[in-house]
């Protein structure tokens, strides 16, 4: 998820301050995808530059540092709605870190199966932890988010199995490209 879409979504609920937007982000997405305060403010600056958000006159003036309140514009609302309405495209290119590690291990004459086995154990441990948390919660939103993560882990595990079964074939292909 792009930070700008997230911030536009938050601002579609009403005007807010950057630090409040960060708190909202952290409470909903921070566990899996942390964001720095600087990312929030630089994203808000770009959104303002592009006419998707604007500063709002703040009635709550304080003696402390000046605080800027932002609100979504019509252009920002249209952009956000379009993003919501468009299905995400499946990425046909397998350019993940796992893939790069397998290829680079093979290219440097290292044992790629060692990496895959280690990654597999790490994924299984994470899946067990998530399953434990899911079984201990009554919150449907948390359960759905955990299920989504588990499904992604399962897909990664299937890919690792497939990659493991094709290591020798990949090694041969890589040797041909080196020559």
N, C-alpha and C. Protein backbone atom coordinates (compact mmCIF):
# COMPACT_ATOMS: atom_id res chain seq x y z
N UNK A 1 0.85 -1.17 0.00
CA UNK A 1 0.00 0.00 0.00
C UNK A 1 0.90 1.23 0.00
N UNK A 2 0.60 2.17 -0.84
CA UNK A 2 1.35 3.41 -0.89
C UNK A 2 0.93 4.30 0.28
N UNK A 3 1.91 4.99 0.83
CA UNK A 3 1.63 5.89 1.95
C UNK A 3 0.62 6.95 1.55
N UNK A 4 0.71 7.44 0.31
CA UNK A 4 -0.22 8.50 -0.10
C UNK A 4 -1.66 7.99 -0.10
N UNK A 5 -1.89 6.78 -0.55
CA UNK A 5 -3.25 6.25 -0.54
C UNK A 5 -3.76 6.07 0.87
N UNK A 6 -2.88 5.65 1.75
CA UNK A 6 -3.24 5.48 3.16
C UNK A 6 -3.62 6.82 3.78
N UNK A 7 -2.80 7.84 3.55
CA UNK A 7 -3.07 9.16 4.12
C UNK A 7 -4.34 9.77 3.54
N UNK A 8 -4.54 9.59 2.23
CA UNK A 8 -5.77 10.09 1.62
C UNK A 8 -6.98 9.39 2.23
N UNK A 9 -6.86 8.09 2.49
CA UNK A 9 -7.94 7.35 3.13
C UNK A 9 -8.25 7.90 4.51
N UNK A 10 -7.21 8.18 5.28
CA UNK A 10 -7.41 8.75 6.61
C UNK A 10 -8.06 10.13 6.52
N UNK A 11 -7.58 10.95 5.60
CA UNK A 11 -8.10 12.31 5.47
C UNK A 11 -9.50 12.34 4.86
N UNK A 12 -9.90 11.27 4.19
CA UNK A 12 -11.26 11.22 3.67
C UNK A 12 -12.28 11.15 4.80
N UNK A 13 -11.80 10.83 6.00
CA UNK A 13 -12.66 10.80 7.19
C UNK A 13 -12.79 12.17 7.83
N UNK A 14 -11.94 13.11 7.43
CA UNK A 14 -11.97 14.45 7.99
C UNK A 14 -10.57 15.00 8.16
N UNK A 15 -10.44 16.33 8.30
CA UNK A 15 -9.12 16.95 8.45
C UNK A 15 -8.38 16.43 9.68
N UNK A 16 -7.04 16.42 9.58
CA UNK A 16 -6.26 15.94 10.71
C UNK A 16 -4.82 16.45 10.61
N UNK A 17 -4.10 16.29 11.73
CA UNK A 17 -2.70 16.69 11.83
C UNK A 17 -1.81 15.52 11.42
N UNK A 18 -0.60 15.87 10.98
CA UNK A 18 0.35 14.84 10.57
C UNK A 18 0.64 13.83 11.66
N UNK A 19 0.85 14.30 12.89
CA UNK A 19 1.18 13.37 13.97
C UNK A 19 0.00 12.46 14.30
N UNK A 20 -1.22 12.95 14.13
CA UNK A 20 -2.40 12.10 14.35
C UNK A 20 -2.52 11.06 13.24
N UNK A 21 -2.17 11.45 12.01
CA UNK A 21 -2.18 10.51 10.89
C UNK A 21 -1.17 9.40 11.13
N UNK A 22 -0.01 9.76 11.68
CA UNK A 22 1.00 8.74 12.01
C UNK A 22 0.48 7.79 13.07
N UNK A 23 -0.19 8.33 14.08
CA UNK A 23 -0.76 7.46 15.13
C UNK A 23 -1.78 6.49 14.53
N UNK A 24 -2.61 7.00 13.63
CA UNK A 24 -3.61 6.14 12.98
C UNK A 24 -2.90 5.04 12.17
N UNK A 25 -1.89 5.45 11.42
CA UNK A 25 -1.15 4.49 10.61
C UNK A 25 -0.52 3.41 11.49
N UNK A 26 0.16 3.86 12.55
CA UNK A 26 0.83 2.92 13.46
C UNK A 26 -0.15 1.93 14.08
N UNK A 27 -1.33 2.42 14.45
CA UNK A 27 -2.29 1.53 15.10
C UNK A 27 -2.87 0.51 14.13
N UNK A 28 -2.96 0.85 12.85
CA UNK A 28 -3.55 -0.06 11.87
C UNK A 28 -2.53 -0.88 11.09
N UNK A 29 -1.42 -0.27 10.70
CA UNK A 29 -0.47 -0.92 9.80
C UNK A 29 0.96 -0.97 10.32
N UNK A 30 1.23 -0.30 11.41
CA UNK A 30 2.60 -0.14 11.89
C UNK A 30 3.31 -1.42 12.25
N UNK A 31 2.58 -2.42 12.67
CA UNK A 31 3.22 -3.66 13.08
C UNK A 31 3.95 -4.32 11.90
N UNK A 32 3.30 -4.36 10.75
CA UNK A 32 3.88 -5.04 9.60
C UNK A 32 4.63 -4.11 8.66
N UNK A 33 4.24 -2.86 8.60
CA UNK A 33 4.87 -1.91 7.68
C UNK A 33 5.07 -0.59 8.40
N UNK A 34 6.13 -0.50 9.20
CA UNK A 34 6.35 0.75 9.94
C UNK A 34 6.61 1.92 8.99
N UNK A 35 6.26 3.09 9.47
CA UNK A 35 6.49 4.32 8.70
C UNK A 35 7.10 5.36 9.63
N UNK A 36 8.04 6.10 9.12
CA UNK A 36 8.70 7.15 9.91
C UNK A 36 7.91 8.45 9.83
N UNK A 37 8.02 9.28 10.86
CA UNK A 37 7.32 10.58 10.81
C UNK A 37 7.70 11.39 9.57
N UNK A 38 8.98 11.33 9.20
CA UNK A 38 9.43 12.07 8.02
C UNK A 38 8.72 11.61 6.75
N UNK A 39 8.41 10.31 6.67
CA UNK A 39 7.69 9.79 5.51
C UNK A 39 6.27 10.36 5.46
N UNK A 40 5.65 10.50 6.63
CA UNK A 40 4.31 11.07 6.68
C UNK A 40 4.34 12.50 6.14
N UNK A 41 5.27 13.31 6.67
CA UNK A 41 5.30 14.72 6.28
C UNK A 41 5.77 14.92 4.84
N UNK A 42 6.70 14.11 4.36
CA UNK A 42 7.12 14.26 2.97
C UNK A 42 6.00 13.82 2.02
N UNK A 43 5.25 12.81 2.42
CA UNK A 43 4.11 12.37 1.60
C UNK A 43 3.03 13.45 1.60
N UNK A 44 2.76 14.05 2.74
CA UNK A 44 1.77 15.13 2.80
C UNK A 44 2.22 16.31 1.93
N UNK A 45 3.52 16.61 1.93
CA UNK A 45 4.02 17.70 1.09
C UNK A 45 3.80 17.40 -0.39
N UNK A 46 4.08 16.17 -0.80
CA UNK A 46 3.86 15.80 -2.21
C UNK A 46 2.37 15.84 -2.55
N UNK A 47 1.53 15.36 -1.63
CA UNK A 47 0.09 15.40 -1.88
C UNK A 47 -0.39 16.85 -1.99
N UNK A 48 0.15 17.72 -1.16
CA UNK A 48 -0.23 19.14 -1.23
C UNK A 48 0.25 19.76 -2.54
N UNK A 49 1.48 19.44 -2.92
CA UNK A 49 2.03 19.94 -4.19
C UNK A 49 1.16 19.50 -5.38
N UNK A 50 0.66 18.26 -5.31
CA UNK A 50 -0.16 17.70 -6.40
C UNK A 50 -1.63 18.09 -6.31
N UNK A 51 -1.99 18.89 -5.30
CA UNK A 51 -3.37 19.37 -5.18
C UNK A 51 -4.34 18.34 -4.61
N UNK A 52 -3.82 17.31 -3.95
CA UNK A 52 -4.70 16.26 -3.41
C UNK A 52 -5.06 16.52 -1.94
N UNK A 53 -4.26 17.31 -1.25
CA UNK A 53 -4.58 17.76 0.11
C UNK A 53 -4.26 19.24 0.20
N UNK A 54 -4.81 19.87 1.22
CA UNK A 54 -4.50 21.29 1.46
C UNK A 54 -4.49 21.54 2.96
N UNK A 55 -3.80 22.60 3.33
CA UNK A 55 -3.77 22.98 4.73
C UNK A 55 -5.10 23.62 5.10
N UNK A 56 -5.49 23.42 6.35
CA UNK A 56 -6.75 23.96 6.86
C UNK A 56 -6.41 24.96 7.95
N UNK A 57 -7.16 26.02 8.01
CA UNK A 57 -7.01 26.99 9.08
C UNK A 57 -7.38 26.30 10.39
N UNK A 58 -6.48 26.33 11.37
CA UNK A 58 -6.70 25.62 12.62
C UNK A 58 -7.21 26.58 13.69
N UNK A 59 -8.38 26.27 14.23
CA UNK A 59 -8.97 27.11 15.27
C UNK A 59 -8.29 26.89 16.62
N UNK A 60 -7.57 25.78 16.76
CA UNK A 60 -6.92 25.44 18.04
C UNK A 60 -5.47 25.92 18.06
N UNK A 61 -5.25 27.18 18.08
CA UNK A 61 -3.89 27.71 18.13
C UNK A 61 -3.33 27.46 19.53
N UNK A 62 -2.10 26.97 19.59
CA UNK A 62 -1.47 26.73 20.88
C UNK A 62 -0.21 27.57 20.99
N UNK A 63 0.32 27.64 22.20
CA UNK A 63 1.53 28.42 22.44
C UNK A 63 2.76 27.67 21.95
N UNK A 64 2.64 26.37 21.70
CA UNK A 64 3.76 25.55 21.26
C UNK A 64 4.04 25.74 19.78
N UNK A 65 4.76 24.80 19.21
CA UNK A 65 5.11 24.90 17.79
C UNK A 65 3.85 24.90 16.92
N UNK A 66 3.95 25.56 15.78
CA UNK A 66 2.78 25.62 14.90
C UNK A 66 2.48 24.23 14.36
N UNK A 67 1.20 23.92 14.32
CA UNK A 67 0.76 22.63 13.84
C UNK A 67 -0.08 22.86 12.60
N UNK A 68 0.11 21.99 11.64
CA UNK A 68 -0.60 22.11 10.38
C UNK A 68 -1.64 21.00 10.30
N UNK A 69 -2.84 21.41 9.99
CA UNK A 69 -3.93 20.46 9.80
C UNK A 69 -4.17 20.33 8.30
N UNK A 70 -4.38 19.11 7.84
CA UNK A 70 -4.58 18.84 6.42
C UNK A 70 -5.97 18.31 6.16
N UNK A 71 -6.47 18.60 4.95
CA UNK A 71 -7.74 18.01 4.53
C UNK A 71 -7.60 17.57 3.08
N UNK A 72 -8.37 16.58 2.72
CA UNK A 72 -8.35 16.07 1.35
C UNK A 72 -9.12 17.04 0.45
N UNK A 73 -8.66 17.19 -0.78
CA UNK A 73 -9.35 18.06 -1.75
C UNK A 73 -10.23 17.19 -2.65
N UNK A 74 -10.99 17.82 -3.50
CA UNK A 74 -11.80 17.07 -4.46
C UNK A 74 -10.95 16.19 -5.34
N UNK A 75 -9.82 16.73 -5.80
CA UNK A 75 -8.89 15.96 -6.62
C UNK A 75 -8.36 14.76 -5.84
N UNK A 76 -8.05 14.97 -4.58
CA UNK A 76 -7.56 13.88 -3.73
C UNK A 76 -8.62 12.82 -3.52
N UNK A 77 -9.87 13.26 -3.32
CA UNK A 77 -10.98 12.32 -3.14
C UNK A 77 -11.18 11.47 -4.39
N UNK A 78 -11.13 12.11 -5.56
CA UNK A 78 -11.29 11.37 -6.82
C UNK A 78 -10.16 10.36 -6.99
N UNK A 79 -8.94 10.77 -6.71
CA UNK A 79 -7.78 9.88 -6.82
C UNK A 79 -7.93 8.69 -5.88
N UNK A 80 -8.30 8.97 -4.65
CA UNK A 80 -8.46 7.90 -3.65
C UNK A 80 -9.55 6.93 -4.07
N UNK A 81 -10.67 7.43 -4.54
CA UNK A 81 -11.77 6.57 -4.95
C UNK A 81 -11.37 5.71 -6.14
N UNK A 82 -10.66 6.29 -7.08
CA UNK A 82 -10.19 5.54 -8.25
C UNK A 82 -9.28 4.40 -7.80
N UNK A 83 -8.39 4.69 -6.87
CA UNK A 83 -7.49 3.67 -6.33
C UNK A 83 -8.28 2.56 -5.66
N UNK A 84 -9.30 2.92 -4.89
CA UNK A 84 -10.13 1.91 -4.23
C UNK A 84 -10.86 1.03 -5.24
N UNK A 85 -11.35 1.64 -6.31
CA UNK A 85 -12.17 0.93 -7.28
C UNK A 85 -11.36 0.02 -8.20
N UNK A 86 -10.09 0.33 -8.40
CA UNK A 86 -9.27 -0.46 -9.33
C UNK A 86 -8.68 -1.68 -8.64
N UNK A 87 -8.91 -2.88 -9.21
CA UNK A 87 -8.28 -4.08 -8.62
C UNK A 87 -6.76 -4.00 -8.79
N UNK A 88 -6.04 -4.54 -7.82
CA UNK A 88 -4.58 -4.58 -7.91
C UNK A 88 -4.17 -5.58 -8.97
N UNK A 89 -3.15 -5.23 -9.73
CA UNK A 89 -2.64 -6.12 -10.77
C UNK A 89 -1.73 -7.18 -10.17
N UNK A 90 -1.84 -8.38 -10.69
CA UNK A 90 -0.94 -9.44 -10.28
C UNK A 90 0.42 -9.15 -10.89
N UNK A 91 1.45 -9.27 -10.10
CA UNK A 91 2.80 -9.00 -10.57
C UNK A 91 3.39 -10.26 -11.18
N UNK A 92 3.57 -10.28 -12.50
CA UNK A 92 4.06 -11.49 -13.15
C UNK A 92 5.57 -11.73 -12.96
N UNK A 93 6.28 -10.75 -12.46
CA UNK A 93 7.73 -10.86 -12.30
C UNK A 93 8.06 -11.30 -10.88
N UNK A 94 8.82 -12.36 -10.77
CA UNK A 94 9.20 -12.86 -9.46
C UNK A 94 10.51 -12.19 -9.05
N UNK A 95 10.41 -10.99 -8.52
CA UNK A 95 11.60 -10.23 -8.15
C UNK A 95 11.62 -10.01 -6.64
N UNK A 96 11.49 -11.08 -5.91
CA UNK A 96 11.50 -10.96 -4.46
C UNK A 96 12.90 -11.16 -3.92
N UNK A 97 13.08 -10.81 -2.70
CA UNK A 97 14.37 -11.00 -2.05
C UNK A 97 14.76 -12.47 -2.04
N UNK A 98 13.79 -13.35 -1.81
CA UNK A 98 14.10 -14.78 -1.80
C UNK A 98 14.66 -15.22 -3.15
N UNK A 99 14.04 -14.77 -4.21
CA UNK A 99 14.51 -15.13 -5.55
C UNK A 99 15.92 -14.62 -5.78
N UNK A 100 16.17 -13.38 -5.44
CA UNK A 100 17.50 -12.81 -5.61
C UNK A 100 18.54 -13.61 -4.82
N UNK A 101 18.19 -14.00 -3.60
CA UNK A 101 19.15 -14.75 -2.78
C UNK A 101 19.46 -16.11 -3.39
N UNK A 102 18.44 -16.79 -3.91
CA UNK A 102 18.67 -18.09 -4.54
C UNK A 102 19.59 -17.93 -5.74
N UNK A 103 19.28 -16.99 -6.60
CA UNK A 103 20.08 -16.78 -7.81
C UNK A 103 21.50 -16.37 -7.45
N UNK A 104 21.65 -15.42 -6.54
CA UNK A 104 22.98 -14.96 -6.17
C UNK A 104 23.79 -16.05 -5.47
N UNK A 105 23.13 -16.87 -4.67
CA UNK A 105 23.83 -18.00 -4.03
C UNK A 105 24.35 -18.95 -5.09
N UNK A 106 23.50 -19.30 -6.05
CA UNK A 106 23.93 -20.21 -7.12
C UNK A 106 25.03 -19.60 -7.96
N UNK A 107 24.91 -18.33 -8.27
CA UNK A 107 25.92 -17.67 -9.10
C UNK A 107 27.27 -17.58 -8.41
N UNK A 108 27.27 -17.55 -7.08
CA UNK A 108 28.53 -17.49 -6.34
C UNK A 108 28.94 -18.86 -5.80
N UNK A 109 28.39 -19.91 -6.43
CA UNK A 109 28.71 -21.31 -6.08
C UNK A 109 28.46 -21.64 -4.62
N UNK A 110 27.41 -21.07 -4.06
CA UNK A 110 27.01 -21.40 -2.69
C UNK A 110 25.79 -22.30 -2.73
N UNK A 111 25.48 -22.88 -1.59
CA UNK A 111 24.36 -23.80 -1.48
C UNK A 111 23.05 -23.03 -1.30
N UNK A 112 22.29 -22.89 -2.36
CA UNK A 112 21.02 -22.16 -2.28
C UNK A 112 19.99 -22.93 -1.47
N UNK A 113 20.10 -24.25 -1.41
CA UNK A 113 19.13 -25.03 -0.63
C UNK A 113 19.27 -24.71 0.86
N UNK A 114 20.48 -24.37 1.29
CA UNK A 114 20.69 -23.99 2.69
C UNK A 114 19.87 -22.74 3.01
N UNK A 115 19.90 -21.75 2.11
CA UNK A 115 19.10 -20.54 2.31
C UNK A 115 17.62 -20.88 2.31
N UNK A 116 17.18 -21.68 1.33
CA UNK A 116 15.76 -22.03 1.26
C UNK A 116 15.29 -22.75 2.51
N UNK A 117 16.12 -23.68 3.02
CA UNK A 117 15.75 -24.41 4.23
C UNK A 117 15.66 -23.48 5.43
N UNK A 118 16.61 -22.57 5.53
CA UNK A 118 16.60 -21.60 6.63
C UNK A 118 15.37 -20.69 6.53
N UNK A 119 15.08 -20.21 5.33
CA UNK A 119 13.92 -19.34 5.12
C UNK A 119 12.63 -20.10 5.42
N UNK A 120 12.57 -21.36 5.02
CA UNK A 120 11.40 -22.19 5.28
C UNK A 120 11.15 -22.31 6.79
N UNK A 121 12.20 -22.59 7.55
CA UNK A 121 12.06 -22.71 9.01
C UNK A 121 11.58 -21.39 9.62
N UNK A 122 12.11 -20.28 9.13
CA UNK A 122 11.71 -18.96 9.61
C UNK A 122 10.23 -18.71 9.31
N UNK A 123 9.80 -19.04 8.10
CA UNK A 123 8.39 -18.85 7.71
C UNK A 123 7.47 -19.72 8.56
N UNK A 124 7.86 -20.94 8.80
CA UNK A 124 7.02 -21.84 9.60
C UNK A 124 6.91 -21.33 11.04
N UNK A 125 8.01 -20.84 11.59
CA UNK A 125 7.98 -20.28 12.95
C UNK A 125 7.04 -19.08 13.00
N UNK A 126 7.12 -18.21 11.99
CA UNK A 126 6.23 -17.04 11.94
C UNK A 126 4.77 -17.47 11.82
N UNK A 127 4.52 -18.48 11.00
CA UNK A 127 3.15 -18.96 10.82
C UNK A 127 2.60 -19.53 12.14
N UNK A 128 3.44 -20.25 12.86
CA UNK A 128 3.01 -20.79 14.17
C UNK A 128 2.66 -19.67 15.14
N UNK A 129 3.51 -18.64 15.17
CA UNK A 129 3.26 -17.50 16.06
C UNK A 129 1.96 -16.79 15.69
N UNK A 130 1.76 -16.56 14.40
CA UNK A 130 0.54 -15.89 13.95
C UNK A 130 -0.69 -16.74 14.26
N UNK A 131 -0.58 -18.03 14.08
CA UNK A 131 -1.71 -18.93 14.37
C UNK A 131 -2.06 -18.88 15.86
N UNK A 132 -1.03 -18.81 16.69
CA UNK A 132 -1.27 -18.71 18.14
C UNK A 132 -2.01 -17.41 18.47
N UNK A 133 -1.55 -16.29 17.90
CA UNK A 133 -2.21 -15.00 18.14
C UNK A 133 -3.65 -15.04 17.62
N UNK A 134 -3.83 -15.60 16.43
CA UNK A 134 -5.18 -15.68 15.83
C UNK A 134 -6.11 -16.49 16.73
N UNK A 135 -5.61 -17.57 17.28
CA UNK A 135 -6.45 -18.42 18.14
C UNK A 135 -6.77 -17.77 19.48
N UNK A 136 -6.00 -16.76 19.87
CA UNK A 136 -6.22 -16.10 21.15
C UNK A 136 -7.03 -14.81 21.04
N UNK A 137 -7.40 -14.42 19.83
CA UNK A 137 -8.12 -13.16 19.66
C UNK A 137 -9.57 -13.39 19.27
N UNK A 138 -10.40 -12.46 19.71
CA UNK A 138 -11.82 -12.49 19.32
C UNK A 138 -12.13 -11.40 18.29
N UNK A 139 -11.12 -10.61 17.95
CA UNK A 139 -11.29 -9.47 17.06
C UNK A 139 -11.26 -9.95 15.60
N UNK A 140 -12.37 -9.79 14.90
CA UNK A 140 -12.46 -10.26 13.52
C UNK A 140 -11.47 -9.56 12.60
N UNK A 141 -11.29 -8.27 12.75
CA UNK A 141 -10.36 -7.54 11.89
C UNK A 141 -8.95 -8.09 12.04
N UNK A 142 -8.52 -8.32 13.27
CA UNK A 142 -7.19 -8.89 13.52
C UNK A 142 -7.09 -10.28 12.92
N UNK A 143 -8.13 -11.08 13.09
CA UNK A 143 -8.15 -12.43 12.55
C UNK A 143 -8.00 -12.41 11.03
N UNK A 144 -8.73 -11.51 10.37
CA UNK A 144 -8.65 -11.43 8.91
C UNK A 144 -7.26 -10.99 8.44
N UNK A 145 -6.67 -10.02 9.14
CA UNK A 145 -5.32 -9.58 8.78
C UNK A 145 -4.30 -10.71 8.98
N UNK A 146 -4.44 -11.44 10.06
CA UNK A 146 -3.53 -12.56 10.31
C UNK A 146 -3.72 -13.64 9.26
N UNK A 147 -4.97 -13.95 8.91
CA UNK A 147 -5.23 -14.95 7.87
C UNK A 147 -4.58 -14.54 6.56
N UNK A 148 -4.69 -13.26 6.21
CA UNK A 148 -4.07 -12.77 4.99
C UNK A 148 -2.56 -13.01 5.01
N UNK A 149 -1.92 -12.70 6.13
CA UNK A 149 -0.48 -12.91 6.27
C UNK A 149 -0.13 -14.38 6.17
N UNK A 150 -0.93 -15.23 6.82
CA UNK A 150 -0.68 -16.68 6.77
C UNK A 150 -0.79 -17.20 5.34
N UNK A 151 -1.78 -16.72 4.59
CA UNK A 151 -1.93 -17.16 3.21
C UNK A 151 -0.71 -16.76 2.38
N UNK A 152 -0.16 -15.59 2.63
CA UNK A 152 1.04 -15.16 1.92
C UNK A 152 2.24 -16.03 2.31
N UNK A 153 2.32 -16.38 3.57
CA UNK A 153 3.41 -17.26 4.02
C UNK A 153 3.27 -18.62 3.34
N UNK A 154 2.04 -19.13 3.27
CA UNK A 154 1.82 -20.42 2.60
C UNK A 154 2.25 -20.36 1.14
N UNK A 155 1.94 -19.27 0.47
CA UNK A 155 2.36 -19.11 -0.93
C UNK A 155 3.88 -19.08 -1.03
N UNK A 156 4.54 -18.37 -0.13
CA UNK A 156 6.00 -18.34 -0.11
C UNK A 156 6.56 -19.74 0.11
N UNK A 157 5.94 -20.49 1.01
CA UNK A 157 6.41 -21.86 1.28
C UNK A 157 6.28 -22.74 0.03
N UNK A 158 5.17 -22.60 -0.68
CA UNK A 158 5.00 -23.36 -1.92
C UNK A 158 6.07 -22.97 -2.94
N UNK A 159 6.35 -21.66 -3.04
CA UNK A 159 7.38 -21.20 -3.97
C UNK A 159 8.74 -21.78 -3.58
N UNK A 160 9.05 -21.77 -2.28
CA UNK A 160 10.34 -22.31 -1.82
C UNK A 160 10.46 -23.78 -2.16
N UNK A 161 9.38 -24.53 -2.00
CA UNK A 161 9.38 -25.95 -2.35
C UNK A 161 9.67 -26.13 -3.84
N UNK A 162 9.00 -25.34 -4.65
CA UNK A 162 9.19 -25.40 -6.10
C UNK A 162 10.62 -25.02 -6.47
N UNK A 163 11.12 -23.94 -5.89
CA UNK A 163 12.49 -23.51 -6.17
C UNK A 163 13.49 -24.59 -5.76
N UNK A 164 13.24 -25.20 -4.60
CA UNK A 164 14.12 -26.27 -4.11
C UNK A 164 14.16 -27.42 -5.11
N UNK A 165 13.01 -27.77 -5.65
CA UNK A 165 12.94 -28.89 -6.60
C UNK A 165 13.58 -28.55 -7.94
N UNK A 166 13.77 -27.28 -8.22
CA UNK A 166 14.33 -26.85 -9.51
C UNK A 166 15.73 -26.23 -9.39
N UNK A 167 16.37 -26.38 -8.26
CA UNK A 167 17.68 -25.77 -8.04
C UNK A 167 18.69 -26.21 -9.10
N UNK A 168 18.76 -27.51 -9.36
CA UNK A 168 19.75 -27.99 -10.33
C UNK A 168 19.49 -27.44 -11.72
N UNK A 169 18.22 -27.40 -12.11
CA UNK A 169 17.86 -26.84 -13.42
C UNK A 169 18.23 -25.36 -13.49
N UNK A 170 17.94 -24.61 -12.43
CA UNK A 170 18.29 -23.19 -12.40
C UNK A 170 19.80 -23.01 -12.43
N UNK A 171 20.53 -23.84 -11.69
CA UNK A 171 21.99 -23.76 -11.69
C UNK A 171 22.52 -23.95 -13.11
N UNK A 172 21.98 -24.93 -13.83
CA UNK A 172 22.40 -25.18 -15.22
C UNK A 172 22.12 -23.98 -16.11
N UNK A 173 20.95 -23.41 -15.96
CA UNK A 173 20.60 -22.24 -16.78
C UNK A 173 21.51 -21.05 -16.47
N UNK A 174 21.81 -20.88 -15.19
CA UNK A 174 22.70 -19.78 -14.81
C UNK A 174 24.11 -20.00 -15.32
N UNK A 175 24.56 -21.25 -15.35
CA UNK A 175 25.89 -21.56 -15.87
C UNK A 175 25.95 -21.24 -17.36
N UNK A 176 24.87 -21.50 -18.07
CA UNK A 176 24.81 -21.19 -19.51
C UNK A 176 24.92 -19.68 -19.74
N UNK A 177 24.27 -18.90 -18.88
CA UNK A 177 24.30 -17.43 -19.07
C UNK A 177 25.66 -16.85 -18.70
N UNK A 178 26.39 -17.53 -17.78
CA UNK A 178 27.72 -17.07 -17.41
C UNK A 178 28.71 -17.29 -18.56
N UNK A 179 28.50 -18.38 -19.28
CA UNK A 179 29.45 -18.76 -20.34
C UNK A 179 29.38 -17.87 -21.55
